[in-house]
């Protein structure tokens, strides 16, 4: 629940950022090409036809690119949400979390292992001496 919501928000932000930047880029390119076509007086008619053909191919390519990106966003969203579902806590863990929240405990907190005596390496051990 938590992970899937975060992933959906993240993907929504990425889609909006892509759409906004892509639309701005497309508008600027369209304006620039129109300006070149209108303001160039010495452009022959064949050149204008070639430019219009190029603009048509450009727009077709941009449309295909947008469709591809939308499809990739859907695939990425599917994989991310599938991974988030695997990361979601099970109902048993949710129950323990709810119980811990009401009792003030942290059920995931682990107690430290008891300290062990460490032995010195063999060559550095001191011999025990006894007093007489």
C-alpha atoms as a PDB file:
ATOM      1  CA  UNK A   1       0.000   0.000   0.000  1.00  0.00           C
ATOM      2  CA  UNK A   2       2.709   2.447   0.968  1.00  0.00           C
ATOM      3  CA  UNK A   3       5.141   1.414  -1.757  1.00  0.00           C
ATOM      4  CA  UNK A   4       2.535   1.302  -4.515  1.00  0.00           C
ATOM      5  CA  UNK A   5       1.281   4.780  -3.596  1.00  0.00           C
ATOM      6  CA  UNK A   6       4.817   6.155  -3.646  1.00  0.00           C
ATOM      7  CA  UNK A   7       5.534   4.509  -6.987  1.00  0.00           C
ATOM      8  CA  UNK A   8       2.309   5.810  -8.524  1.00  0.00           C
ATOM      9  CA  UNK A   9       3.126   9.347  -7.327  1.00  0.00           C
ATOM     10  CA  UNK A  10       6.676   9.082  -8.668  1.00  0.00           C
ATOM     11  CA  UNK A  11       5.527   7.824 -12.063  1.00  0.00           C
ATOM     12  CA  UNK A  12       2.812  10.483 -12.252  1.00  0.00           C
ATOM     13  CA  UNK A  13       5.435  13.153 -11.609  1.00  0.00           C
ATOM     14  CA  UNK A  14       7.735  11.689 -14.272  1.00  0.00           C
ATOM     15  CA  UNK A  15       4.912  11.545 -16.836  1.00  0.00           C
ATOM     16  CA  UNK A  16       3.933  15.153 -16.159  1.00  0.00           C
ATOM     17  CA  UNK A  17       7.552  16.296 -16.384  1.00  0.00           C
ATOM     18  CA  UNK A  18       8.009  14.451 -19.676  1.00  0.00           C
ATOM     19  CA  UNK A  19       4.762  15.804 -21.143  1.00  0.00           C
ATOM     20  CA  UNK A  20       5.520  19.379 -20.095  1.00  0.00           C
ATOM     21  CA  UNK A  21       9.064  19.398 -21.436  1.00  0.00           C
ATOM     22  CA  UNK A  22       8.151  17.488 -24.571  1.00  0.00           C
ATOM     23  CA  UNK A  23       5.284  19.856 -25.390  1.00  0.00           C
ATOM     24  CA  UNK A  24       7.492  22.905 -24.829  1.00  0.00           C
ATOM     25  CA  UNK A  25      10.202  21.462 -27.060  1.00  0.00           C
ATOM     26  CA  UNK A  26       7.704  20.587 -29.784  1.00  0.00           C
ATOM     27  CA  UNK A  27       6.130  24.066 -29.711  1.00  0.00           C
ATOM     28  CA  UNK A  28       9.525  25.753 -29.958  1.00  0.00           C
ATOM     29  CA  UNK A  29      10.582  23.550 -32.867  1.00  0.00           C
ATOM     30  CA  UNK A  30       7.299  24.195 -34.702  1.00  0.00           C
ATOM     31  CA  UNK A  31       7.647  27.970 -34.237  1.00  0.00           C
ATOM     32  CA  UNK A  32      11.241  27.906 -35.429  1.00  0.00           C
ATOM     33  CA  UNK A  33      10.423  25.916 -38.560  1.00  0.00           C
ATOM     34  CA  UNK A  34       7.474  28.184 -39.406  1.00  0.00           C
ATOM     35  CA  UNK A  35       9.643  31.248 -38.929  1.00  0.00           C
ATOM     36  CA  UNK A  36      12.355  29.846 -41.203  1.00  0.00           C
ATOM     37  CA  UNK A  37       9.786  28.995 -43.852  1.00  0.00           C
ATOM     38  CA  UNK A  38       8.027  32.383 -43.776  1.00  0.00           C
ATOM     39  CA  UNK A  39      10.977  34.717 -43.350  1.00  0.00           C
ATOM     40  CA  UNK A  40      13.333  33.221 -45.899  1.00  0.00           C
ATOM     41  CA  UNK A  41      12.644  35.196 -49.080  1.00  0.00           C
ATOM     42  CA  UNK A  42      15.225  33.518 -51.298  1.00  0.00           C
ATOM     43  CA  UNK A  43      13.886  30.003 -50.683  1.00  0.00           C
ATOM     44  CA  UNK A  44      12.878  28.427 -54.014  1.00  0.00           C
ATOM     45  CA  UNK A  45       9.532  26.643 -54.317  1.00  0.00           C
ATOM     46  CA  UNK A  46      11.206  23.229 -54.438  1.00  0.00           C
ATOM     47  CA  UNK A  47      13.015  24.089 -51.202  1.00  0.00           C
ATOM     48  CA  UNK A  48       9.732  25.050 -49.528  1.00  0.00           C
ATOM     49  CA  UNK A  49       8.179  21.765 -50.631  1.00  0.00           C
ATOM     50  CA  UNK A  50      11.177  19.866 -49.281  1.00  0.00           C
ATOM     51  CA  UNK A  51      10.950  21.771 -45.980  1.00  0.00           C
ATOM     52  CA  UNK A  52       7.223  21.050 -45.701  1.00  0.00           C
ATOM     53  CA  UNK A  53       7.917  17.379 -46.398  1.00  0.00           C
ATOM     54  CA  UNK A  54      10.616  17.424 -43.715  1.00  0.00           C
ATOM     55  CA  UNK A  55       8.233  19.095 -41.243  1.00  0.00           C
ATOM     56  CA  UNK A  56       5.650  16.378 -41.950  1.00  0.00           C
ATOM     57  CA  UNK A  57       8.203  13.625 -41.306  1.00  0.00           C
ATOM     58  CA  UNK A  58       9.324  15.436 -38.149  1.00  0.00           C
ATOM     59  CA  UNK A  59       5.761  15.624 -36.810  1.00  0.00           C
ATOM     60  CA  UNK A  60       5.155  11.963 -37.648  1.00  0.00           C
ATOM     61  CA  UNK A  61       8.376  10.982 -35.847  1.00  0.00           C
ATOM     62  CA  UNK A  62       7.470  13.087 -32.826  1.00  0.00           C
ATOM     63  CA  UNK A  63       4.040  11.414 -32.650  1.00  0.00           C
ATOM     64  CA  UNK A  64       5.603   7.959 -32.831  1.00  0.00           C
ATOM     65  CA  UNK A  65       8.123   8.887 -30.160  1.00  0.00           C
ATOM     66  CA  UNK A  66       5.361  10.118 -27.845  1.00  0.00           C
ATOM     67  CA  UNK A  67       3.395   6.887 -28.340  1.00  0.00           C
ATOM     68  CA  UNK A  68       6.506   4.821 -27.638  1.00  0.00           C
ATOM     69  CA  UNK A  69       7.220   6.756 -24.451  1.00  0.00           C
ATOM     70  CA  UNK A  70       3.644   6.365 -23.244  1.00  0.00           C
ATOM     71  CA  UNK A  71       3.893   2.617 -23.850  1.00  0.00           C
ATOM     72  CA  UNK A  72       7.209   2.448 -21.997  1.00  0.00           C
ATOM     73  CA  UNK A  73       5.727   4.364 -19.058  1.00  0.00           C
ATOM     74  CA  UNK A  74       2.922   1.786 -18.879  1.00  0.00           C
ATOM     75  CA  UNK A  75       5.400  -1.117 -18.959  1.00  0.00           C
ATOM     76  CA  UNK A  76       7.592   0.533 -16.318  1.00  0.00           C
ATOM     77  CA  UNK A  77       4.568   1.215 -14.137  1.00  0.00           C
ATOM     78  CA  UNK A  78       3.477  -2.418 -14.429  1.00  0.00           C
ATOM     79  CA  UNK A  79       6.902  -3.718 -13.357  1.00  0.00           C
ATOM     80  CA  UNK A  80       7.276  -1.207 -10.526  1.00  0.00           C
ATOM     81  CA  UNK A  81       3.819  -1.914  -9.127  1.00  0.00           C
ATOM     82  CA  UNK A  82       4.438  -5.665  -9.341  1.00  0.00           C
ATOM     83  CA  UNK A  83       7.667  -5.201  -7.381  1.00  0.00           C
ATOM     84  CA  UNK A  84       5.874  -2.983  -4.859  1.00  0.00           C
ATOM     85  CA  UNK A  85       3.262  -5.675  -4.273  1.00  0.00           C
ATOM     86  CA  UNK A  86       6.025  -8.138  -3.431  1.00  0.00           C
ATOM     87  CA  UNK A  87       7.528  -5.597  -1.010  1.00  0.00           C
ATOM     88  CA  UNK A  88       4.220  -4.921   0.741  1.00  0.00           C
ATOM     89  CA  UNK A  89       3.950  -6.382   4.238  1.00  0.00           C
ATOM     90  CA  UNK A  90       1.745  -9.424   4.644  1.00  0.00           C
ATOM     91  CA  UNK A  91      -1.503  -9.159   6.664  1.00  0.00           C
ATOM     92  CA  UNK A  92       0.249 -10.927   9.563  1.00  0.00           C
ATOM     93  CA  UNK A  93       2.940  -8.258   9.607  1.00  0.00           C
ATOM     94  CA  UNK A  94       0.288  -5.555   9.387  1.00  0.00           C
ATOM     95  CA  UNK A  95      -1.353  -7.079  12.461  1.00  0.00           C
ATOM     96  CA  UNK A  96       1.934  -7.058  14.346  1.00  0.00           C
ATOM     97  CA  UNK A  97       2.519  -3.457  13.315  1.00  0.00           C
ATOM     98  CA  UNK A  98      -0.936  -2.448  14.545  1.00  0.00           C
ATOM     99  CA  UNK A  99      -0.401  -4.302  17.834  1.00  0.00           C
ATOM    100  CA  UNK A 100       3.038  -2.714  18.259  1.00  0.00           C
ATOM    101  CA  UNK A 101       1.633   0.736  17.522  1.00  0.00           C
ATOM    102  CA  UNK A 102      -1.015   0.410  20.225  1.00  0.00           C
ATOM    103  CA  UNK A 103       1.397  -1.032  22.792  1.00  0.00           C
ATOM    104  CA  UNK A 104       4.195   1.418  21.993  1.00  0.00           C
ATOM    105  CA  UNK A 105       6.642  -1.328  20.986  1.00  0.00           C
ATOM    106  CA  UNK A 106       8.660  -1.641  17.844  1.00  0.00           C
ATOM    107  CA  UNK A 107       8.219  -5.242  16.733  1.00  0.00           C
ATOM    108  CA  UNK A 108      10.953  -4.977  14.129  1.00  0.00           C
ATOM    109  CA  UNK A 109      13.540  -3.802  16.601  1.00  0.00           C
ATOM    110  CA  UNK A 110      16.055  -6.562  17.196  1.00  0.00           C
ATOM    111  CA  UNK A 111      17.840  -7.049  20.451  1.00  0.00           C
ATOM    112  CA  UNK A 112      21.618  -7.021  20.219  1.00  0.00           C
ATOM    113  CA  UNK A 113      23.371 -10.345  20.435  1.00  0.00           C
ATOM    114  CA  UNK A 114      25.132 -11.031  23.728  1.00  0.00           C
ATOM    115  CA  UNK A 115      28.774 -10.056  23.772  1.00  0.00           C
ATOM    116  CA  UNK A 116      31.220 -12.900  23.273  1.00  0.00           C
ATOM    117  CA  UNK A 117      34.700 -13.116  24.631  1.00  0.00           C
ATOM    118  CA  UNK A 118      37.160 -12.864  21.848  1.00  0.00           C
ATOM    119  CA  UNK A 119      40.229 -14.993  21.922  1.00  0.00           C
ATOM    120  CA  UNK A 120      43.550 -13.486  21.014  1.00  0.00           C
ATOM    121  CA  UNK A 121      45.343 -14.959  18.003  1.00  0.00           C
ATOM    122  CA  UNK A 122      47.446 -18.024  18.815  1.00  0.00           C
ATOM    123  CA  UNK A 123      50.844 -16.375  18.619  1.00  0.00           C
ATOM    124  CA  UNK A 124      49.914 -13.522  20.953  1.00  0.00           C
ATOM    125  CA  UNK A 125      48.328 -15.454  23.810  1.00  0.00           C
ATOM    126  CA  UNK A 126      49.993 -14.998  27.137  1.00  0.00           C
ATOM    127  CA  UNK A 127      50.665 -17.949  29.356  1.00  0.00           C
ATOM    128  CA  UNK A 128      48.830 -18.037  32.619  1.00  0.00           C
ATOM    129  CA  UNK A 129      51.125 -17.740  35.553  1.00  0.00           C
ATOM    130  CA  UNK A 130      50.325 -18.818  39.044  1.00  0.00           C
ATOM    131  CA  UNK A 131      51.688 -17.239  42.140  1.00  0.00           C
ATOM    132  CA  UNK A 132      53.557 -19.438  44.601  1.00  0.00           C
END
